[in-house]
């Protein structure tokens, strides 16, 4: 519970530092909400979509040879959705108005992502059970050979595998 309160404080500080930021959400890489400061958005749905986008972004940076995922920016007709890595097992998603200063959004989003990564790591070190369960720490179960936040991808030339009920595909 302490992790959630600390991350929420960071999200609220972030909202005061970035004008026209309308929402902030911290989640584990597999889509579980750690803390949220959003009004008009369903946090669980956004968190799940963030996890899916994170998997695609990881894959895209890997295939393009651009290193590890750092951030993703989506621009819609009414504003921005920005996602930032928050360590190896968490992610920060920000929702901003169309007139937001994107440079400021990136600067503060990166800083908060780093701070949230520290908080999550400290929560794991202190044995925070919720942090462990939601970020792949002790007691969590990620599929073998697959890190959290990645999607299974069929490589060209590989045969398709049929989905089997209960196999965790």
C-alpha atoms as a PDB file:
ATOM      1  CA  UNK A   1       0.000   0.000   0.000  1.00  0.00           C
ATOM      2  CA  UNK A   2       2.904   2.372   0.645  1.00  0.00           C
ATOM      3  CA  UNK A   3       4.051   1.977  -2.958  1.00  0.00           C
ATOM      4  CA  UNK A   4       0.667   3.073  -4.305  1.00  0.00           C
ATOM      5  CA  UNK A   5       0.627   6.166  -2.058  1.00  0.00           C
ATOM      6  CA  UNK A   6       4.185   7.156  -3.020  1.00  0.00           C
ATOM      7  CA  UNK A   7       3.554   6.709  -6.743  1.00  0.00           C
ATOM      8  CA  UNK A   8       0.292   8.657  -6.475  1.00  0.00           C
ATOM      9  CA  UNK A   9       2.169  11.551  -4.823  1.00  0.00           C
ATOM     10  CA  UNK A  10       4.602  11.553  -7.750  1.00  0.00           C
ATOM     11  CA  UNK A  11       1.735  11.568 -10.267  1.00  0.00           C
ATOM     12  CA  UNK A  12       0.118  14.527  -8.503  1.00  0.00           C
ATOM     13  CA  UNK A  13       3.424  16.435  -8.400  1.00  0.00           C
ATOM     14  CA  UNK A  14       3.809  15.748 -12.112  1.00  0.00           C
ATOM     15  CA  UNK A  15       0.347  17.171 -12.835  1.00  0.00           C
ATOM     16  CA  UNK A  16       1.302  20.403 -11.063  1.00  0.00           C
ATOM     17  CA  UNK A  17       4.536  20.687 -13.091  1.00  0.00           C
ATOM     18  CA  UNK A  18       2.999  20.140 -16.533  1.00  0.00           C
ATOM     19  CA  UNK A  19       0.300  22.588 -17.605  1.00  0.00           C
ATOM     20  CA  UNK A  20      -2.537  20.996 -19.610  1.00  0.00           C
ATOM     21  CA  UNK A  21      -1.739  17.500 -18.342  1.00  0.00           C
ATOM     22  CA  UNK A  22      -5.171  15.966 -17.843  1.00  0.00           C
ATOM     23  CA  UNK A  23      -4.256  12.542 -16.503  1.00  0.00           C
ATOM     24  CA  UNK A  24      -1.425  10.340 -15.281  1.00  0.00           C
ATOM     25  CA  UNK A  25      -1.265   6.603 -14.702  1.00  0.00           C
ATOM     26  CA  UNK A  26       1.487   4.285 -13.482  1.00  0.00           C
ATOM     27  CA  UNK A  27       1.165   0.595 -14.267  1.00  0.00           C
ATOM     28  CA  UNK A  28       3.147  -2.586 -14.307  1.00  0.00           C
ATOM     29  CA  UNK A  29       4.455  -3.667 -17.695  1.00  0.00           C
ATOM     30  CA  UNK A  30       1.753  -6.328 -17.839  1.00  0.00           C
ATOM     31  CA  UNK A  31      -1.072  -3.812 -17.411  1.00  0.00           C
ATOM     32  CA  UNK A  32      -1.926  -3.756 -13.695  1.00  0.00           C
ATOM     33  CA  UNK A  33      -2.594  -0.274 -12.310  1.00  0.00           C
ATOM     34  CA  UNK A  34      -0.097   0.813  -9.629  1.00  0.00           C
ATOM     35  CA  UNK A  35      -1.544   4.317  -9.130  1.00  0.00           C
ATOM     36  CA  UNK A  36      -3.753   6.691 -11.088  1.00  0.00           C
ATOM     37  CA  UNK A  37      -4.616  10.362 -11.238  1.00  0.00           C
ATOM     38  CA  UNK A  38      -7.121  10.415 -14.095  1.00  0.00           C
ATOM     39  CA  UNK A  39     -10.685  11.728 -14.119  1.00  0.00           C
ATOM     40  CA  UNK A  40     -12.487  10.943 -17.352  1.00  0.00           C
ATOM     41  CA  UNK A  41     -10.622   7.821 -18.484  1.00  0.00           C
ATOM     42  CA  UNK A  42     -11.149   4.224 -17.412  1.00  0.00           C
ATOM     43  CA  UNK A  43      -7.789   3.527 -15.744  1.00  0.00           C
ATOM     44  CA  UNK A  44      -7.890  -0.273 -16.114  1.00  0.00           C
ATOM     45  CA  UNK A  45      -8.686  -0.049 -19.834  1.00  0.00           C
ATOM     46  CA  UNK A  46      -5.933   2.511 -20.414  1.00  0.00           C
ATOM     47  CA  UNK A  47      -3.511   0.378 -18.429  1.00  0.00           C
ATOM     48  CA  UNK A  48      -4.314  -2.708 -20.505  1.00  0.00           C
ATOM     49  CA  UNK A  49      -3.922  -0.788 -23.763  1.00  0.00           C
ATOM     50  CA  UNK A  50      -0.667   0.686 -22.489  1.00  0.00           C
ATOM     51  CA  UNK A  51       0.662  -2.831 -21.883  1.00  0.00           C
ATOM     52  CA  UNK A  52      -0.298  -3.837 -25.426  1.00  0.00           C
ATOM     53  CA  UNK A  53       1.299  -0.709 -26.906  1.00  0.00           C
ATOM     54  CA  UNK A  54       4.369  -1.305 -24.763  1.00  0.00           C
ATOM     55  CA  UNK A  55       4.749  -4.785 -26.202  1.00  0.00           C
ATOM     56  CA  UNK A  56       4.517  -3.447 -29.742  1.00  0.00           C
ATOM     57  CA  UNK A  57       6.937  -0.604 -28.944  1.00  0.00           C
ATOM     58  CA  UNK A  58       9.466  -3.055 -27.455  1.00  0.00           C
ATOM     59  CA  UNK A  59       9.239  -5.170 -30.576  1.00  0.00           C
ATOM     60  CA  UNK A  60       9.478  -2.156 -32.895  1.00  0.00           C
ATOM     61  CA  UNK A  61      12.630  -0.771 -31.240  1.00  0.00           C
ATOM     62  CA  UNK A  62      14.141  -4.251 -31.273  1.00  0.00           C
ATOM     63  CA  UNK A  63      13.461  -4.922 -34.960  1.00  0.00           C
ATOM     64  CA  UNK A  64      14.579  -1.419 -35.953  1.00  0.00           C
ATOM     65  CA  UNK A  65      17.777  -1.845 -33.931  1.00  0.00           C
ATOM     66  CA  UNK A  66      17.099   1.233 -31.807  1.00  0.00           C
ATOM     67  CA  UNK A  67      17.951  -0.271 -28.429  1.00  0.00           C
ATOM     68  CA  UNK A  68      15.647  -0.485 -25.426  1.00  0.00           C
ATOM     69  CA  UNK A  69      12.203   1.123 -25.325  1.00  0.00           C
ATOM     70  CA  UNK A  70      12.186   4.573 -23.726  1.00  0.00           C
ATOM     71  CA  UNK A  71       8.975   6.336 -24.726  1.00  0.00           C
ATOM     72  CA  UNK A  72       6.017   6.383 -27.065  1.00  0.00           C
ATOM     73  CA  UNK A  73       3.969   9.424 -28.123  1.00  0.00           C
ATOM     74  CA  UNK A  74       0.554   9.201 -29.760  1.00  0.00           C
ATOM     75  CA  UNK A  75      -1.022  12.378 -31.082  1.00  0.00           C
ATOM     76  CA  UNK A  76      -4.783  12.473 -31.518  1.00  0.00           C
ATOM     77  CA  UNK A  77      -6.997  15.252 -32.819  1.00  0.00           C
ATOM     78  CA  UNK A  78      -7.676  16.393 -29.238  1.00  0.00           C
ATOM     79  CA  UNK A  79      -4.335  15.819 -27.564  1.00  0.00           C
ATOM     80  CA  UNK A  80      -1.562  13.428 -26.665  1.00  0.00           C
ATOM     81  CA  UNK A  81      -1.036  10.115 -24.945  1.00  0.00           C
ATOM     82  CA  UNK A  82       2.590   9.634 -23.924  1.00  0.00           C
ATOM     83  CA  UNK A  83       4.092   6.482 -22.434  1.00  0.00           C
ATOM     84  CA  UNK A  84       7.465   6.375 -20.689  1.00  0.00           C
ATOM     85  CA  UNK A  85       9.492   3.467 -19.370  1.00  0.00           C
ATOM     86  CA  UNK A  86       9.641   3.487 -15.574  1.00  0.00           C
ATOM     87  CA  UNK A  87      12.382   0.950 -15.056  1.00  0.00           C
ATOM     88  CA  UNK A  88      12.283  -2.597 -16.398  1.00  0.00           C
ATOM     89  CA  UNK A  89       8.871  -3.504 -14.997  1.00  0.00           C
ATOM     90  CA  UNK A  90       6.680  -0.390 -14.895  1.00  0.00           C
ATOM     91  CA  UNK A  91       5.378   2.268 -17.235  1.00  0.00           C
ATOM     92  CA  UNK A  92       4.047   5.815 -16.927  1.00  0.00           C
ATOM     93  CA  UNK A  93       1.219   6.977 -19.204  1.00  0.00           C
ATOM     94  CA  UNK A  94       0.279  10.645 -19.488  1.00  0.00           C
ATOM     95  CA  UNK A  95      -2.728  12.252 -21.137  1.00  0.00           C
ATOM     96  CA  UNK A  96      -2.327  15.851 -22.280  1.00  0.00           C
ATOM     97  CA  UNK A  97      -4.423  18.508 -23.975  1.00  0.00           C
ATOM     98  CA  UNK A  98      -3.782  19.305 -27.648  1.00  0.00           C
ATOM     99  CA  UNK A  99      -2.133  22.616 -26.669  1.00  0.00           C
ATOM    100  CA  UNK A 100       0.301  21.065 -24.185  1.00  0.00           C
ATOM    101  CA  UNK A 101       3.990  21.826 -24.543  1.00  0.00           C
ATOM    102  CA  UNK A 102       5.302  18.469 -25.802  1.00  0.00           C
ATOM    103  CA  UNK A 103       8.895  19.308 -24.858  1.00  0.00           C
ATOM    104  CA  UNK A 104       7.843  19.952 -21.276  1.00  0.00           C
ATOM    105  CA  UNK A 105       5.703  16.805 -21.335  1.00  0.00           C
ATOM    106  CA  UNK A 106       8.746  14.745 -22.361  1.00  0.00           C
ATOM    107  CA  UNK A 107      11.082  16.401 -19.854  1.00  0.00           C
ATOM    108  CA  UNK A 108       8.795  15.909 -16.883  1.00  0.00           C
ATOM    109  CA  UNK A 109       7.526  12.501 -18.060  1.00  0.00           C
ATOM    110  CA  UNK A 110      11.079  11.180 -18.231  1.00  0.00           C
ATOM    111  CA  UNK A 111      11.890  12.548 -14.775  1.00  0.00           C
ATOM    112  CA  UNK A 112       8.752  11.064 -13.241  1.00  0.00           C
ATOM    113  CA  UNK A 113       9.347   7.747 -15.008  1.00  0.00           C
ATOM    114  CA  UNK A 114      12.786   7.557 -13.406  1.00  0.00           C
ATOM    115  CA  UNK A 115      11.343   8.457  -9.991  1.00  0.00           C
ATOM    116  CA  UNK A 116       8.591   5.839 -10.299  1.00  0.00           C
ATOM    117  CA  UNK A 117      11.198   3.247 -11.274  1.00  0.00           C
ATOM    118  CA  UNK A 118      13.046   4.054  -8.029  1.00  0.00           C
ATOM    119  CA  UNK A 119       9.844   3.768  -6.002  1.00  0.00           C
ATOM    120  CA  UNK A 120       8.934   0.415  -7.574  1.00  0.00           C
ATOM    121  CA  UNK A 121      12.445  -0.926  -6.989  1.00  0.00           C
ATOM    122  CA  UNK A 122      12.334   0.240  -3.361  1.00  0.00           C
ATOM    123  CA  UNK A 123       8.902  -1.367  -2.953  1.00  0.00           C
ATOM    124  CA  UNK A 124      10.298  -4.662  -4.233  1.00  0.00           C
ATOM    125  CA  UNK A 125      13.325  -4.373  -1.952  1.00  0.00           C
ATOM    126  CA  UNK A 126      11.019  -3.753   1.013  1.00  0.00           C
ATOM    127  CA  UNK A 127       8.933  -6.796   0.171  1.00  0.00           C
ATOM    128  CA  UNK A 128       5.837  -4.878  -0.943  1.00  0.00           C
ATOM    129  CA  UNK A 129       3.591  -7.788  -1.968  1.00  0.00           C
ATOM    130  CA  UNK A 130       1.478  -5.710  -4.364  1.00  0.00           C
ATOM    131  CA  UNK A 131       4.606  -4.391  -6.104  1.00  0.00           C
ATOM    132  CA  UNK A 132       5.995  -7.893  -6.417  1.00  0.00           C
ATOM    133  CA  UNK A 133       2.768  -9.299  -7.830  1.00  0.00           C
ATOM    134  CA  UNK A 134       2.171  -6.453 -10.262  1.00  0.00           C
ATOM    135  CA  UNK A 135       5.697  -5.997 -11.579  1.00  0.00           C
ATOM    136  CA  UNK A 136       6.922  -9.539 -11.994  1.00  0.00           C
ATOM    137  CA  UNK A 137       8.870  -9.645  -8.749  1.00  0.00           C
ATOM    138  CA  UNK A 138       9.006 -12.501  -6.267  1.00  0.00           C
ATOM    139  CA  UNK A 139       5.940 -14.689  -6.510  1.00  0.00           C
ATOM    140  CA  UNK A 140       4.801 -13.375  -9.890  1.00  0.00           C
ATOM    141  CA  UNK A 141       4.458 -15.713 -12.792  1.00  0.00           C
ATOM    142  CA  UNK A 142       5.607 -14.541 -16.208  1.00  0.00           C
ATOM    143  CA  UNK A 143       5.687 -17.018 -19.038  1.00  0.00           C
ATOM    144  CA  UNK A 144       9.086 -18.735 -19.259  1.00  0.00           C
ATOM    145  CA  UNK A 145      11.458 -17.166 -21.743  1.00  0.00           C
ATOM    146  CA  UNK A 146       9.330 -14.036 -22.118  1.00  0.00           C
ATOM    147  CA  UNK A 147       9.853 -10.779 -20.257  1.00  0.00           C
ATOM    148  CA  UNK A 148       6.874  -8.748 -19.085  1.00  0.00           C
ATOM    149  CA  UNK A 149       5.542  -6.209 -21.533  1.00  0.00           C
ATOM    150  CA  UNK A 150       6.320  -8.129 -24.684  1.00  0.00           C
ATOM    151  CA  UNK A 151       3.940  -9.753 -27.066  1.00  0.00           C
ATOM    152  CA  UNK A 152       4.477 -13.139 -28.648  1.00  0.00           C
ATOM    153  CA  UNK A 153       5.486 -12.549 -32.246  1.00  0.00           C
ATOM    154  CA  UNK A 154       5.674 -15.053 -35.072  1.00  0.00           C
ATOM    155  CA  UNK A 155       8.872 -14.473 -37.029  1.00  0.00           C
ATOM    156  CA  UNK A 156       8.695 -14.680 -40.826  1.00  0.00           C
ATOM    157  CA  UNK A 157       9.115 -18.262 -41.944  1.00  0.00           C
ATOM    158  CA  UNK A 158       7.922 -19.719 -38.636  1.00  0.00           C
ATOM    159  CA  UNK A 159       4.836 -21.912 -38.890  1.00  0.00           C
ATOM    160  CA  UNK A 160       1.719 -20.724 -37.078  1.00  0.00           C
ATOM    161  CA  UNK A 161       0.928 -22.571 -33.869  1.00  0.00           C
ATOM    162  CA  UNK A 162      -2.711 -23.277 -33.172  1.00  0.00           C
ATOM    163  CA  UNK A 163      -4.049 -21.830 -29.924  1.00  0.00           C
ATOM    164  CA  UNK A 164      -4.695 -24.487 -27.324  1.00  0.00           C
ATOM    165  CA  UNK A 165      -7.149 -23.859 -24.493  1.00  0.00           C
ATOM    166  CA  UNK A 166      -5.453 -23.439 -21.125  1.00  0.00           C
ATOM    167  CA  UNK A 167      -1.962 -23.344 -22.645  1.00  0.00           C
ATOM    168  CA  UNK A 168      -1.454 -19.632 -21.856  1.00  0.00           C
ATOM    169  CA  UNK A 169      -0.931 -18.587 -25.513  1.00  0.00           C
END
